[in-house]
N, C-alpha and C. Protein backbone atom coordinates (compact mmCIF):
# COMPACT_ATOMS: atom_id res chain seq x y z
N MET A 1 -9.78 9.98 20.07
CA MET A 1 -9.81 9.66 18.81
C MET A 1 -10.72 8.93 18.45
N GLY A 2 -12.13 8.93 19.23
CA GLY A 2 -13.28 8.09 19.12
C GLY A 2 -13.22 6.61 19.41
N THR A 3 -13.65 5.84 18.94
CA THR A 3 -13.45 4.45 19.01
C THR A 3 -12.49 3.79 18.09
N SER A 4 -11.03 3.94 18.00
CA SER A 4 -10.22 3.41 17.16
C SER A 4 -10.16 2.01 17.48
N ALA A 5 -9.56 1.29 16.56
CA ALA A 5 -8.90 -0.06 17.06
C ALA A 5 -7.58 0.21 17.22
N VAL A 6 -6.86 -0.56 18.23
CA VAL A 6 -5.46 -0.22 18.47
C VAL A 6 -4.59 -1.51 18.57
N TYR A 7 -3.71 -1.67 17.74
CA TYR A 7 -2.67 -2.68 17.51
C TYR A 7 -1.47 -2.53 18.45
N ARG A 8 -0.79 -3.50 19.32
CA ARG A 8 0.56 -3.19 19.64
C ARG A 8 1.55 -3.90 18.83
N ILE A 9 2.32 -2.95 17.99
CA ILE A 9 2.97 -3.63 17.11
C ILE A 9 4.61 -3.75 17.17
N HIS A 10 4.94 -3.45 18.48
CA HIS A 10 6.48 -3.38 18.83
C HIS A 10 6.55 -3.53 20.20
N THR A 11 7.12 -4.25 20.93
CA THR A 11 7.52 -4.01 22.69
C THR A 11 9.33 -4.46 22.63
N GLY A 12 9.86 -3.60 23.08
CA GLY A 12 11.37 -3.78 23.40
C GLY A 12 11.77 -3.15 24.48
N ASP A 13 12.81 -3.30 25.01
CA ASP A 13 13.76 -2.62 26.35
C ASP A 13 14.49 -1.53 25.77
N ASP A 14 14.50 -1.53 24.46
CA ASP A 14 15.71 0.02 24.01
C ASP A 14 14.77 0.89 23.69
N VAL A 15 14.70 1.80 24.50
CA VAL A 15 13.83 3.15 24.55
C VAL A 15 14.23 3.94 23.04
N VAL A 16 15.27 4.25 22.91
CA VAL A 16 15.96 4.91 21.92
C VAL A 16 15.31 4.49 20.55
N ALA A 17 15.30 3.04 20.48
CA ALA A 17 15.27 2.29 19.26
C ALA A 17 13.41 2.40 19.22
N VAL A 18 12.67 2.18 20.18
CA VAL A 18 11.36 2.40 19.84
C VAL A 18 10.79 3.66 19.45
N HIS A 19 11.42 4.62 20.27
CA HIS A 19 11.24 6.00 19.86
C HIS A 19 11.62 6.40 18.43
N ALA A 20 12.60 5.64 17.78
CA ALA A 20 13.07 5.76 16.40
C ALA A 20 12.34 5.31 15.53
N MET A 21 11.55 4.21 16.19
CA MET A 21 10.51 3.59 15.40
C MET A 21 9.04 4.63 15.19
N ALA A 22 8.90 5.33 16.08
CA ALA A 22 7.54 6.16 16.32
C ALA A 22 8.04 7.34 15.21
N ARG A 23 9.44 7.69 15.33
CA ARG A 23 9.54 8.75 14.20
C ARG A 23 9.48 8.23 12.79
N ARG A 24 9.64 6.99 12.68
CA ARG A 24 9.45 6.19 11.38
C ARG A 24 8.02 6.26 10.81
N LEU A 25 7.14 5.96 12.00
CA LEU A 25 5.81 6.22 11.70
C LEU A 25 5.29 7.59 11.27
N LEU A 26 5.93 8.60 12.03
CA LEU A 26 5.53 9.78 11.85
C LEU A 26 5.68 10.42 10.22
N ASP A 27 7.02 9.66 9.58
CA ASP A 27 6.78 10.11 8.19
C ASP A 27 6.07 9.57 7.37
N ARG A 28 5.21 8.55 7.76
CA ARG A 28 4.22 7.94 7.00
C ARG A 28 2.72 8.56 7.29
N ARG A 29 2.64 9.65 8.18
CA ARG A 29 1.31 10.23 7.91
C ARG A 29 0.97 10.96 6.70
N SER A 30 -0.44 11.18 6.37
CA SER A 30 -0.65 12.14 5.55
C SER A 30 -0.37 13.49 6.07
N THR A 31 -0.21 14.51 5.34
CA THR A 31 0.01 15.93 5.44
C THR A 31 -0.98 16.65 4.70
N GLY A 32 -1.33 18.07 5.25
CA GLY A 32 -1.81 19.24 4.50
C GLY A 32 -3.18 18.78 4.44
N CYS A 33 -3.87 18.00 5.51
CA CYS A 33 -5.27 17.69 5.64
C CYS A 33 -5.75 18.31 7.13
N CYS A 34 -5.88 17.38 8.10
CA CYS A 34 -6.27 17.47 9.38
C CYS A 34 -5.16 18.27 10.39
N ARG A 35 -5.66 18.70 11.47
CA ARG A 35 -4.58 19.19 12.26
C ARG A 35 -3.85 18.17 13.07
N ALA A 36 -2.79 18.03 13.02
CA ALA A 36 -1.84 17.06 13.83
C ALA A 36 -1.46 17.67 15.24
N TYR A 37 -1.31 16.76 16.36
CA TYR A 37 -0.72 17.03 17.42
C TYR A 37 -0.19 16.01 18.45
N VAL A 38 0.45 16.17 19.16
CA VAL A 38 1.25 15.71 20.17
C VAL A 38 1.08 15.74 21.51
N ALA A 39 1.05 14.62 22.51
CA ALA A 39 0.72 15.12 23.81
C ALA A 39 1.24 13.93 24.71
N VAL A 40 1.82 14.25 26.03
CA VAL A 40 2.39 13.50 26.86
C VAL A 40 1.59 13.20 28.18
N ASP A 41 1.61 11.95 28.79
CA ASP A 41 1.03 11.70 30.01
C ASP A 41 2.24 11.27 30.72
N VAL A 42 2.68 11.27 31.98
CA VAL A 42 3.40 10.62 32.93
C VAL A 42 2.84 10.51 34.06
N GLU A 43 2.78 9.22 34.89
CA GLU A 43 2.17 8.57 36.22
C GLU A 43 3.50 8.60 37.12
N VAL A 44 3.08 9.51 38.12
CA VAL A 44 4.39 9.54 39.07
C VAL A 44 3.75 9.80 40.27
N ASP A 45 4.20 9.86 41.49
CA ASP A 45 3.98 10.44 42.62
C ASP A 45 4.68 11.60 43.24
N THR A 46 3.88 12.65 43.92
CA THR A 46 4.60 14.01 44.05
C THR A 46 5.27 14.16 44.76
N HIS A 47 6.25 13.09 45.59
CA HIS A 47 7.56 13.35 46.28
C HIS A 47 8.69 12.71 45.33
N ARG A 48 8.54 12.47 44.08
CA ARG A 48 9.72 12.15 43.34
C ARG A 48 10.08 13.47 42.48
N ASP A 49 11.28 13.43 41.97
CA ASP A 49 11.81 14.67 41.51
C ASP A 49 11.10 15.06 40.29
N LEU A 50 9.79 15.92 40.83
CA LEU A 50 8.91 16.49 39.36
C LEU A 50 9.84 17.49 38.77
N ALA A 51 10.63 18.10 39.33
CA ALA A 51 10.90 19.25 38.68
C ALA A 51 11.83 18.95 37.27
N ARG A 52 12.18 17.83 37.06
CA ARG A 52 12.90 17.29 35.75
C ARG A 52 11.63 17.15 34.84
N TYR A 53 10.58 17.39 34.69
CA TYR A 53 9.39 17.14 33.79
C TYR A 53 9.00 18.67 33.74
N LEU A 54 9.70 19.81 34.39
CA LEU A 54 9.35 21.11 33.91
C LEU A 54 9.91 21.42 32.58
N THR A 55 10.77 20.41 31.71
CA THR A 55 11.40 20.59 30.25
C THR A 55 10.34 20.42 29.42
N LEU A 56 9.14 19.52 29.98
CA LEU A 56 7.91 19.14 28.74
C LEU A 56 7.55 20.71 28.43
N GLY A 57 7.23 21.43 28.92
CA GLY A 57 6.81 22.96 28.45
C GLY A 57 5.24 23.23 29.42
N SER A 58 4.60 23.53 28.79
CA SER A 58 3.17 23.78 28.94
C SER A 58 2.51 22.56 29.31
N ALA A 59 2.26 22.36 30.72
CA ALA A 59 1.57 21.16 31.16
C ALA A 59 0.86 21.51 32.65
N TYR A 60 -0.02 20.20 32.96
CA TYR A 60 -0.68 20.36 33.95
C TYR A 60 -0.68 19.22 34.86
N LEU A 61 -1.15 19.06 36.19
CA LEU A 61 -1.11 17.79 37.01
C LEU A 61 -2.31 17.85 37.71
N VAL A 62 -2.50 16.48 37.43
CA VAL A 62 -3.96 15.89 37.93
C VAL A 62 -3.63 15.11 39.10
N VAL A 63 -4.16 15.75 40.26
CA VAL A 63 -4.17 14.66 41.34
C VAL A 63 -5.32 14.75 42.12
N THR A 64 -5.70 13.74 43.18
CA THR A 64 -6.83 13.54 43.83
C THR A 64 -6.63 13.31 45.37
N LEU A 65 -6.96 14.63 46.16
CA LEU A 65 -6.54 14.77 47.44
C LEU A 65 -7.65 13.78 48.47
N PRO A 66 -7.10 13.07 49.01
CA PRO A 66 -8.05 12.24 49.98
C PRO A 66 -8.57 13.10 51.11
N ALA A 67 -9.65 12.65 51.69
CA ALA A 67 -10.68 13.63 52.54
C ALA A 67 -10.09 13.98 53.45
N GLU A 68 -9.02 13.17 54.34
CA GLU A 68 -8.27 13.55 55.40
C GLU A 68 -7.32 14.37 55.17
N LEU A 69 -6.71 14.62 53.78
CA LEU A 69 -5.91 15.57 53.40
C LEU A 69 -6.01 16.87 53.04
N VAL A 70 -7.62 17.13 52.95
CA VAL A 70 -8.01 18.45 52.16
C VAL A 70 -7.74 19.61 52.98
N GLU A 71 -7.92 19.49 54.37
CA GLU A 71 -7.64 20.66 55.35
C GLU A 71 -6.12 20.84 55.34
N GLN A 72 -5.33 20.14 55.50
CA GLN A 72 -3.96 20.39 55.39
C GLN A 72 -3.76 20.92 54.10
N ALA A 73 -4.01 20.49 52.94
CA ALA A 73 -3.59 21.15 51.64
C ALA A 73 -4.24 22.40 51.16
N THR A 74 -5.52 22.89 51.94
CA THR A 74 -5.89 23.88 51.51
C THR A 74 -4.85 25.00 51.44
N PRO A 75 -4.02 25.58 52.67
CA PRO A 75 -3.03 26.66 52.48
C PRO A 75 -2.01 26.54 51.57
N VAL A 76 -1.49 25.19 51.19
CA VAL A 76 -0.61 24.83 50.58
C VAL A 76 -0.98 24.89 48.97
N LEU A 77 -2.13 24.39 48.47
CA LEU A 77 -2.25 24.40 46.97
C LEU A 77 -3.58 25.53 46.70
N GLY A 78 -4.08 26.12 47.57
CA GLY A 78 -4.78 27.27 47.38
C GLY A 78 -4.31 28.16 46.52
N PRO A 79 -3.16 28.59 46.64
CA PRO A 79 -2.61 29.82 45.88
C PRO A 79 -2.36 29.47 44.40
N HIS A 80 -2.58 28.01 44.14
CA HIS A 80 -1.95 27.87 43.03
C HIS A 80 -3.18 27.22 42.03
N LEU A 81 -4.28 27.71 42.68
CA LEU A 81 -5.63 27.16 41.81
C LEU A 81 -6.35 28.47 41.59
N SER A 82 -7.06 28.30 40.46
CA SER A 82 -8.25 29.73 40.16
C SER A 82 -9.41 29.36 41.06
N ALA A 83 -9.98 30.72 41.06
CA ALA A 83 -11.44 30.34 42.08
C ALA A 83 -12.22 29.44 41.78
N ALA A 84 -12.35 29.02 40.22
CA ALA A 84 -13.26 28.33 39.76
C ALA A 84 -12.78 26.61 40.06
N ASP A 85 -11.49 26.62 40.21
CA ASP A 85 -11.16 25.35 40.42
C ASP A 85 -11.09 24.71 42.05
N ARG A 86 -11.30 25.68 43.01
CA ARG A 86 -10.74 25.65 44.31
C ARG A 86 -12.13 24.40 45.18
N TRP A 87 -11.61 23.47 46.05
CA TRP A 87 -12.05 22.93 46.89
C TRP A 87 -13.52 22.33 46.32
N LYS A 88 -13.66 21.78 45.26
CA LYS A 88 -14.88 21.15 44.86
C LYS A 88 -14.92 19.56 45.27
N THR A 89 -15.20 19.52 46.56
CA THR A 89 -15.03 17.83 46.94
C THR A 89 -15.95 16.99 46.16
N SER A 90 -15.75 15.47 46.17
CA SER A 90 -16.56 14.89 45.84
C SER A 90 -17.53 13.93 46.62
N ARG A 91 -18.50 13.29 46.57
CA ARG A 91 -19.36 12.91 47.64
C ARG A 91 -18.66 12.31 48.64
N ASP A 92 -17.48 11.78 48.54
CA ASP A 92 -16.55 10.56 49.33
C ASP A 92 -15.73 11.81 50.08
N GLY A 93 -15.81 13.18 50.06
CA GLY A 93 -14.85 13.77 50.36
C GLY A 93 -13.57 14.17 49.89
N SER A 94 -13.44 13.26 48.61
CA SER A 94 -12.20 13.69 48.21
C SER A 94 -11.78 14.73 47.25
N LEU A 95 -10.86 15.01 47.14
CA LEU A 95 -10.93 16.46 45.95
C LEU A 95 -9.93 16.30 44.82
N PRO A 96 -10.34 16.18 43.57
CA PRO A 96 -10.04 16.01 42.44
C PRO A 96 -9.45 17.43 42.03
N LEU A 97 -8.04 17.55 41.61
CA LEU A 97 -7.48 19.04 41.31
C LEU A 97 -6.78 18.92 39.94
N MET A 98 -7.01 19.92 39.05
CA MET A 98 -6.05 19.99 38.19
C MET A 98 -5.38 21.33 38.12
N ILE A 99 -3.92 21.31 38.19
CA ILE A 99 -3.14 22.48 38.60
C ILE A 99 -2.17 22.90 37.58
N ASP A 100 -1.89 23.97 36.98
CA ASP A 100 -0.92 24.18 36.17
C ASP A 100 0.42 23.83 36.69
N PHE A 101 1.13 23.15 35.92
CA PHE A 101 2.42 22.44 36.42
C PHE A 101 3.58 23.37 36.19
N ASP A 102 4.23 23.78 37.44
CA ASP A 102 5.48 24.60 37.10
C ASP A 102 6.03 24.44 38.36
N GLY A 103 7.31 25.12 38.52
CA GLY A 103 8.05 25.26 39.77
C GLY A 103 7.70 25.41 40.96
N ALA A 104 6.71 26.16 41.07
CA ALA A 104 6.08 26.66 42.42
C ALA A 104 5.11 25.45 42.91
N VAL A 105 4.56 24.99 41.94
CA VAL A 105 3.60 23.69 42.29
C VAL A 105 4.29 22.63 43.06
N VAL A 106 5.37 22.37 42.37
CA VAL A 106 6.62 21.39 42.56
C VAL A 106 7.19 21.52 43.99
N THR A 107 7.31 22.88 44.50
CA THR A 107 7.78 22.90 45.59
C THR A 107 6.70 22.90 46.68
N ALA A 108 5.52 23.12 46.30
CA ALA A 108 4.37 23.12 47.34
C ALA A 108 3.98 21.69 47.63
N LEU A 109 3.83 20.83 46.71
CA LEU A 109 3.46 19.51 46.65
C LEU A 109 4.45 18.73 47.81
N ARG A 110 5.83 19.12 47.83
CA ARG A 110 6.79 18.57 48.69
C ARG A 110 6.25 18.91 50.40
N ARG A 111 5.56 19.57 50.28
CA ARG A 111 5.09 20.05 51.88
C ARG A 111 3.91 19.23 52.31
N LEU A 112 3.48 18.49 51.49
CA LEU A 112 2.39 17.14 51.41
C LEU A 112 2.62 15.87 51.37
N PRO A 113 2.15 14.87 52.00
CA PRO A 113 2.52 13.44 51.81
C PRO A 113 2.55 13.15 50.48
N PRO A 114 3.32 11.94 50.28
CA PRO A 114 3.05 11.71 48.37
C PRO A 114 1.57 11.44 48.06
N LEU A 115 1.47 11.66 47.00
CA LEU A 115 -0.01 11.24 46.29
C LEU A 115 0.58 11.07 44.70
N GLU A 116 -0.10 9.98 44.41
CA GLU A 116 -0.09 9.67 42.85
C GLU A 116 -0.47 10.75 42.25
N CYS A 117 -0.15 10.93 41.05
CA CYS A 117 -0.55 11.90 40.32
C CYS A 117 -0.31 11.74 38.64
N ARG A 118 -0.83 12.50 37.75
CA ARG A 118 -0.63 12.45 36.42
C ARG A 118 0.09 13.85 35.89
N ILE A 119 0.86 13.89 35.21
CA ILE A 119 1.74 15.18 34.62
C ILE A 119 1.06 14.95 33.03
N SER A 120 0.39 15.98 32.71
CA SER A 120 0.06 15.80 31.16
C SER A 120 0.22 17.26 30.23
N THR A 121 0.63 17.21 29.34
CA THR A 121 1.10 18.20 28.35
C THR A 121 -0.49 18.76 27.73
N TYR A 122 -0.24 19.62 27.25
CA TYR A 122 -1.46 20.12 26.39
C TYR A 122 -1.12 19.83 25.06
N GLU A 123 -2.15 19.83 23.98
CA GLU A 123 -1.73 19.61 22.73
C GLU A 123 -0.62 20.02 21.90
N CYS A 124 0.36 19.70 21.85
CA CYS A 124 1.62 20.58 21.29
C CYS A 124 1.78 20.02 19.63
N GLU A 125 2.18 21.09 18.80
CA GLU A 125 2.22 21.00 17.61
C GLU A 125 3.40 20.22 17.33
N LEU A 126 3.45 19.33 15.96
CA LEU A 126 4.50 18.43 15.88
C LEU A 126 5.74 18.91 16.27
N GLU A 127 6.00 20.27 15.67
CA GLU A 127 7.50 20.64 15.39
C GLU A 127 7.61 21.35 17.12
N ASP A 128 6.64 21.17 18.01
CA ASP A 128 7.37 21.06 19.30
C ASP A 128 7.08 19.77 20.36
N ASP A 129 7.24 18.83 19.53
CA ASP A 129 7.22 17.55 20.09
C ASP A 129 8.06 17.26 21.29
N PRO A 130 7.37 17.23 22.47
CA PRO A 130 7.75 16.89 23.64
C PRO A 130 8.55 15.55 24.33
N ALA A 131 8.49 14.55 23.15
CA ALA A 131 9.01 13.21 23.48
C ALA A 131 10.18 13.24 23.75
N GLY A 132 11.18 13.81 22.98
CA GLY A 132 12.56 13.83 23.39
C GLY A 132 12.60 14.31 24.95
N SER A 133 12.31 15.28 25.36
CA SER A 133 12.49 15.84 26.69
C SER A 133 11.80 14.79 27.60
N LEU A 134 10.80 14.03 27.29
CA LEU A 134 10.06 13.04 28.02
C LEU A 134 10.94 11.95 28.38
N LEU A 135 11.90 11.64 27.24
CA LEU A 135 12.76 10.41 27.19
C LEU A 135 14.07 10.78 28.57
N SER A 136 14.42 11.98 28.01
CA SER A 136 15.46 12.31 29.05
C SER A 136 15.27 12.37 30.29
N ALA A 137 13.81 12.40 30.50
CA ALA A 137 13.69 12.64 32.03
C ALA A 137 12.85 11.45 32.89
N VAL A 138 12.20 10.79 32.02
CA VAL A 138 11.30 9.56 32.70
C VAL A 138 11.93 8.44 33.41
N GLY A 139 13.08 8.06 33.25
CA GLY A 139 13.48 7.17 34.18
C GLY A 139 12.68 5.90 34.24
N SER A 140 12.14 5.52 35.32
CA SER A 140 11.47 4.26 35.11
C SER A 140 10.07 4.47 35.29
N ASP A 141 9.37 5.65 35.47
CA ASP A 141 7.92 6.12 35.51
C ASP A 141 7.26 5.65 34.08
N PRO A 142 6.12 5.25 34.55
CA PRO A 142 5.13 4.92 33.44
C PRO A 142 4.67 6.18 32.62
N ALA A 143 4.84 6.20 31.33
CA ALA A 143 4.28 7.43 30.50
C ALA A 143 4.00 6.90 29.07
N SER A 144 3.53 8.05 28.61
CA SER A 144 2.99 7.65 27.12
C SER A 144 3.06 8.97 26.49
N VAL A 145 3.07 8.84 25.03
CA VAL A 145 3.11 9.72 24.14
C VAL A 145 2.40 9.78 22.97
N LEU A 146 1.17 10.48 22.85
CA LEU A 146 0.29 10.12 21.65
C LEU A 146 0.81 11.13 20.48
N TRP A 147 0.62 10.40 19.18
CA TRP A 147 0.76 11.45 18.04
C TRP A 147 -0.51 11.45 17.46
N ARG A 148 -1.50 12.37 17.34
CA ARG A 148 -2.87 12.38 16.50
C ARG A 148 -2.30 12.66 15.05
N VAL A 149 -2.34 11.73 14.25
CA VAL A 149 -2.12 12.27 12.65
C VAL A 149 -3.22 11.48 11.90
N CYS A 150 -2.93 11.62 10.42
CA CYS A 150 -4.08 11.04 9.91
C CYS A 150 -2.89 10.21 8.87
N TRP A 151 -3.48 9.00 8.54
CA TRP A 151 -3.01 8.06 7.66
C TRP A 151 -3.52 8.45 6.40
N PRO A 152 -2.70 7.89 5.31
CA PRO A 152 -3.12 8.34 3.94
C PRO A 152 -4.73 7.81 3.72
N GLY A 153 -5.40 8.69 3.45
CA GLY A 153 -7.07 8.20 3.17
C GLY A 153 -7.70 8.09 4.39
N GLU A 154 -7.26 8.24 5.69
CA GLU A 154 -7.54 8.08 6.93
C GLU A 154 -7.67 9.26 8.01
N HIS A 155 -8.79 9.95 8.26
CA HIS A 155 -8.63 10.98 8.87
C HIS A 155 -9.45 11.06 10.42
N LYS A 156 -9.74 9.70 10.48
CA LYS A 156 -10.58 9.73 11.81
C LYS A 156 -10.17 8.65 12.36
N TYR A 157 -9.75 8.51 13.79
CA TYR A 157 -9.27 7.02 14.49
C TYR A 157 -7.99 6.81 13.90
N ALA A 158 -7.36 7.72 13.89
CA ALA A 158 -5.89 7.61 13.33
C ALA A 158 -4.65 8.23 14.00
N GLY A 159 -3.54 7.52 14.19
CA GLY A 159 -2.42 7.94 14.92
C GLY A 159 -1.80 6.67 15.64
N PHE A 160 -0.70 7.21 16.38
CA PHE A 160 0.04 6.03 17.16
C PHE A 160 0.29 6.38 18.57
N GLU A 161 0.83 5.62 19.37
CA GLU A 161 1.20 6.21 20.72
C GLU A 161 2.29 5.22 21.10
N LEU A 162 3.18 5.64 21.95
CA LEU A 162 4.23 5.31 22.61
C LEU A 162 4.12 4.91 24.24
N GLY A 163 4.03 3.62 24.68
CA GLY A 163 3.82 3.26 26.04
C GLY A 163 5.08 2.91 26.75
N LEU A 164 5.64 3.78 27.52
CA LEU A 164 7.00 3.53 28.39
C LEU A 164 6.71 2.80 29.81
N ASN A 165 7.80 2.03 29.93
CA ASN A 165 8.01 1.25 31.18
C ASN A 165 6.86 0.54 31.54
N GLY A 166 6.28 -0.08 30.47
CA GLY A 166 4.85 -1.07 30.83
C GLY A 166 3.76 -0.43 31.31
N ILE A 167 3.54 0.98 30.87
CA ILE A 167 2.29 1.40 31.51
C ILE A 167 1.01 0.83 30.76
N GLU A 168 -0.03 0.77 31.12
CA GLU A 168 -1.23 0.05 30.60
C GLU A 168 -1.87 1.04 29.92
N LEU A 169 -1.95 1.03 28.60
CA LEU A 169 -3.13 1.72 27.99
C LEU A 169 -4.35 0.95 27.23
N TYR A 170 -4.37 0.20 26.74
CA TYR A 170 -5.46 -0.51 25.92
C TYR A 170 -5.57 -1.89 26.27
N HIS A 171 -4.75 -2.66 26.22
CA HIS A 171 -4.59 -3.93 26.43
C HIS A 171 -4.23 -4.22 27.98
N ARG A 172 -4.96 -5.32 28.69
CA ARG A 172 -4.67 -5.17 29.74
C ARG A 172 -3.62 -6.44 30.07
N ASP A 173 -2.85 -6.24 31.23
CA ASP A 173 -1.47 -6.83 31.66
C ASP A 173 -0.43 -6.63 30.46
N PRO A 174 0.11 -5.36 30.21
CA PRO A 174 0.85 -5.14 29.46
C PRO A 174 2.31 -5.62 29.37
N PRO A 175 3.07 -5.88 28.59
CA PRO A 175 4.28 -6.64 29.06
C PRO A 175 5.29 -5.62 29.49
N PRO A 176 6.38 -5.87 30.18
CA PRO A 176 7.24 -4.97 30.71
C PRO A 176 8.10 -4.08 29.69
N GLY A 177 8.56 -3.29 29.57
CA GLY A 177 9.20 -2.42 28.27
C GLY A 177 8.46 -1.25 27.72
N HIS A 178 8.83 -1.03 26.82
CA HIS A 178 8.33 0.11 25.87
C HIS A 178 7.64 -0.44 24.61
N SER A 179 6.34 0.05 24.52
CA SER A 179 5.53 -0.90 23.79
C SER A 179 5.05 0.26 22.31
N LEU A 180 5.14 0.06 21.24
CA LEU A 180 4.55 1.10 20.16
C LEU A 180 3.13 0.42 19.69
N TYR A 181 2.04 1.35 19.69
CA TYR A 181 0.59 0.96 19.39
C TYR A 181 0.13 2.10 18.30
N LEU A 182 -0.57 1.23 17.23
CA LEU A 182 -1.23 1.88 16.20
C LEU A 182 -2.79 2.16 16.46
N HIS A 183 -3.25 3.26 15.90
CA HIS A 183 -4.67 3.52 16.21
C HIS A 183 -5.21 3.44 14.66
N VAL A 184 -6.10 2.78 14.46
CA VAL A 184 -6.51 2.99 12.62
C VAL A 184 -8.32 2.46 13.18
N ARG A 185 -8.94 2.67 12.10
CA ARG A 185 -10.40 2.44 12.32
C ARG A 185 -10.73 0.94 12.64
N SER A 186 -11.84 0.69 12.82
CA SER A 186 -12.12 -0.33 13.30
C SER A 186 -12.05 -1.63 12.39
N ASN A 187 -12.08 -1.33 11.02
CA ASN A 187 -11.99 -2.43 10.42
C ASN A 187 -10.52 -2.47 9.72
N GLY A 188 -9.62 -1.66 10.14
CA GLY A 188 -8.25 -1.10 9.70
C GLY A 188 -7.31 -2.43 9.98
N GLU A 189 -7.41 -3.60 10.07
CA GLU A 189 -6.50 -4.53 10.67
C GLU A 189 -5.46 -4.48 9.11
N GLU A 190 -5.57 -4.25 7.92
CA GLU A 190 -4.92 -4.54 7.12
C GLU A 190 -3.86 -3.13 6.64
N LEU A 191 -4.51 -2.01 7.21
CA LEU A 191 -3.60 -0.73 7.05
C LEU A 191 -2.73 -0.74 8.28
N ALA A 192 -3.00 -1.41 9.48
CA ALA A 192 -2.11 -1.64 10.66
C ALA A 192 -0.74 -2.34 10.28
N GLN A 193 -1.17 -3.57 9.85
CA GLN A 193 -0.29 -4.36 9.37
C GLN A 193 0.57 -3.64 8.51
N ALA A 194 0.24 -3.09 7.26
CA ALA A 194 0.95 -2.34 6.29
C ALA A 194 1.81 -1.46 7.04
N LEU A 195 1.27 -0.34 7.62
CA LEU A 195 2.08 0.79 8.27
C LEU A 195 3.10 0.03 9.29
N ALA A 196 2.78 -1.10 10.39
CA ALA A 196 3.74 -1.85 10.98
C ALA A 196 4.94 -2.38 10.36
N THR A 197 4.59 -2.69 9.05
CA THR A 197 5.47 -3.41 8.02
C THR A 197 6.79 -2.56 7.76
N THR A 198 6.04 -1.25 7.21
CA THR A 198 6.67 -0.45 6.67
C THR A 198 8.09 0.37 7.67
N VAL A 199 7.69 0.19 8.88
CA VAL A 199 8.97 0.41 10.18
C VAL A 199 9.30 -0.53 10.51
N GLY A 200 9.27 -2.05 10.28
CA GLY A 200 9.95 -3.21 10.82
C GLY A 200 9.37 -3.51 11.96
N ALA A 201 8.25 -3.65 11.90
CA ALA A 201 7.40 -4.00 13.26
C ALA A 201 6.25 -4.93 12.58
N GLY A 202 5.15 -5.43 13.38
CA GLY A 202 4.19 -6.52 13.09
C GLY A 202 3.19 -6.39 14.15
N ALA A 203 1.98 -6.05 13.50
CA ALA A 203 0.81 -6.37 14.61
C ALA A 203 0.96 -7.34 15.73
N VAL A 204 0.66 -7.29 16.80
CA VAL A 204 0.61 -8.49 17.90
C VAL A 204 -0.53 -8.45 18.35
N GLY A 205 -1.29 -9.70 18.24
CA GLY A 205 -2.32 -10.15 19.07
C GLY A 205 -3.48 -9.17 18.29
N ASP A 206 -4.85 -9.34 19.00
CA ASP A 206 -5.82 -8.72 18.82
C ASP A 206 -5.88 -7.39 18.98
N ALA A 207 -6.79 -6.43 18.13
CA ALA A 207 -7.10 -5.16 18.43
C ALA A 207 -7.97 -4.81 19.71
N ALA A 208 -7.64 -3.73 20.25
CA ALA A 208 -8.18 -3.33 21.65
C ALA A 208 -8.88 -2.16 21.09
N LEU A 209 -9.99 -1.72 22.09
CA LEU A 209 -10.96 -0.42 21.74
C LEU A 209 -9.94 0.93 22.16
N GLY A 210 -9.90 1.68 21.24
CA GLY A 210 -9.24 2.84 21.61
C GLY A 210 -10.08 4.03 21.90
N ARG A 211 -9.45 5.32 21.71
CA ARG A 211 -10.54 6.25 22.15
C ARG A 211 -10.19 7.54 21.09
């Protein structure tokens, strides 16, 4: 989303309530102009019950193998990588990988030591919104849902984001709980406040630099 300004407009412990607030924001979007989409990211380790995230639909997993694990992982993960993606190590010998996320990959990862990873969906149409599936699966894992939409009269640097379980998105040292963030143009504080007010929230603190 370029260099948007991001305002945290709500934080709470009730994930159902903050998701409902996000759904109300979705109703405030401008329609019939630019493409809108939604995407999910989850931070987890590979020995958690990853299979519960298969309900997210089409997704990929990002993981970096430390240098000392690359040899062990080669026969385990190699069959799940395309020829172009295999074993391009970094200068320090570590190996960043992006793997299509499916049941076979979940099974393969259990054969390796635990690794921190990220599960991300591809950009989904709004009617295929994976947020409900995420909320059913996420438990205590840090995660986020990004809705890329237009606000009335605003077609760039616009959208909103739900951060779950204290995930750090734009503001450092985020509070625990579940937070809702608004993306607006760099001088869009008035728009952010107006949108927040319509869904029963209010801008919290200074804006952070978005993406």
